[in-house]
Amino acid sequence: MSPPCRRTVAHIAAGLGYADASTFGAVFARHTGRRPRDYRATFRRSPAEPVGDIPHEPGTR
C-alpha cells in the first residue's frame, strides 16, 4: 500500500468504495467545506519551511 501522502484522490475514493473520484470529491467537500486538493495542500510544505513557533531550548538556535 502507498503512503497516504502519495495516494491519488481516485485511489482513496476507490478504496472507500466510491465509483469515481468526482463523487468522493463532492461528498468530501460537502462534509469538510473544502475540495480534497485544497485540504491536502494545507499539509504540504517545503522541507526548509519552518513548522511554526516551536519553542527551542536556550542556545540551541
Protein backbone atom coordinates (compact mmCIF):
# COMPACT_ATOMS: atom_id res chain seq x y z
CA MET A 1 0.00 0.00 0.00
CA SER A 2 1.23 3.51 -0.84
CA PRO A 3 2.00 6.02 1.89
CA PRO A 4 -1.09 8.22 2.48
CA CYS A 5 0.54 11.36 1.06
CA ARG A 6 1.28 9.63 -2.26
CA ARG A 7 -2.20 8.27 -2.97
CA THR A 8 -4.33 9.99 -5.57
CA VAL A 9 -7.85 11.10 -4.76
CA ALA A 10 -9.07 8.46 -7.23
CA HIS A 11 -7.16 5.78 -5.31
CA ILE A 12 -8.60 6.93 -1.99
CA ALA A 13 -12.11 7.12 -3.48
CA ALA A 14 -11.86 3.58 -4.86
CA GLY A 15 -10.54 2.30 -1.54
CA LEU A 16 -13.57 3.76 0.20
CA GLY A 17 -15.96 2.20 -2.30
CA TYR A 18 -16.82 5.25 -4.42
CA ALA A 19 -17.47 4.63 -8.12
CA ASP A 20 -15.38 7.65 -9.13
CA ALA A 21 -13.23 10.42 -7.70
CA SER A 22 -15.72 13.18 -8.54
CA THR A 23 -18.43 11.61 -6.37
CA PHE A 24 -15.98 11.22 -3.50
CA GLY A 25 -14.79 14.81 -4.00
CA ALA A 26 -18.34 16.14 -3.82
CA VAL A 27 -19.07 14.22 -0.61
CA PHE A 28 -15.73 15.26 0.88
CA ALA A 29 -16.38 18.93 0.06
CA ARG A 30 -19.89 18.78 1.48
CA HIS A 31 -18.59 17.41 4.79
CA THR A 32 -15.37 19.43 5.13
CA GLY A 33 -16.15 22.59 3.17
CA ARG A 34 -13.00 22.06 1.10
CA ARG A 35 -12.06 20.14 -2.03
CA PRO A 36 -9.69 17.21 -1.46
CA ARG A 37 -6.85 19.00 -3.27
CA ASP A 38 -7.29 22.12 -1.10
CA TYR A 39 -7.38 20.01 2.06
CA ARG A 40 -4.22 18.17 1.03
CA ALA A 41 -2.43 21.42 0.15
CA THR A 42 -2.73 22.61 3.75
CA PHE A 43 -0.46 19.75 4.81
CA ARG A 44 2.19 20.16 2.11
CA ARG A 45 5.11 22.39 2.82
CA SER A 46 8.67 22.85 1.75
CA PRO A 47 11.20 20.91 3.87
CA ALA A 48 13.00 24.20 4.52
CA GLU A 49 9.82 25.96 5.65
CA PRO A 50 9.53 26.43 9.41
CA VAL A 51 6.79 24.46 11.12
CA GLY A 52 5.70 27.37 13.27
CA ASP A 53 6.58 28.90 16.57
CA ILE A 54 8.12 25.88 18.23
CA PRO A 55 9.85 26.78 21.48
CA HIS A 56 13.56 25.99 21.48
CA GLU A 57 15.87 25.44 24.38
CA PRO A 58 18.14 28.43 25.02
CA GLY A 59 21.34 28.19 23.00
CA THR A 60 20.00 25.62 20.50
CA ARG A 61 19.12 28.07 17.74
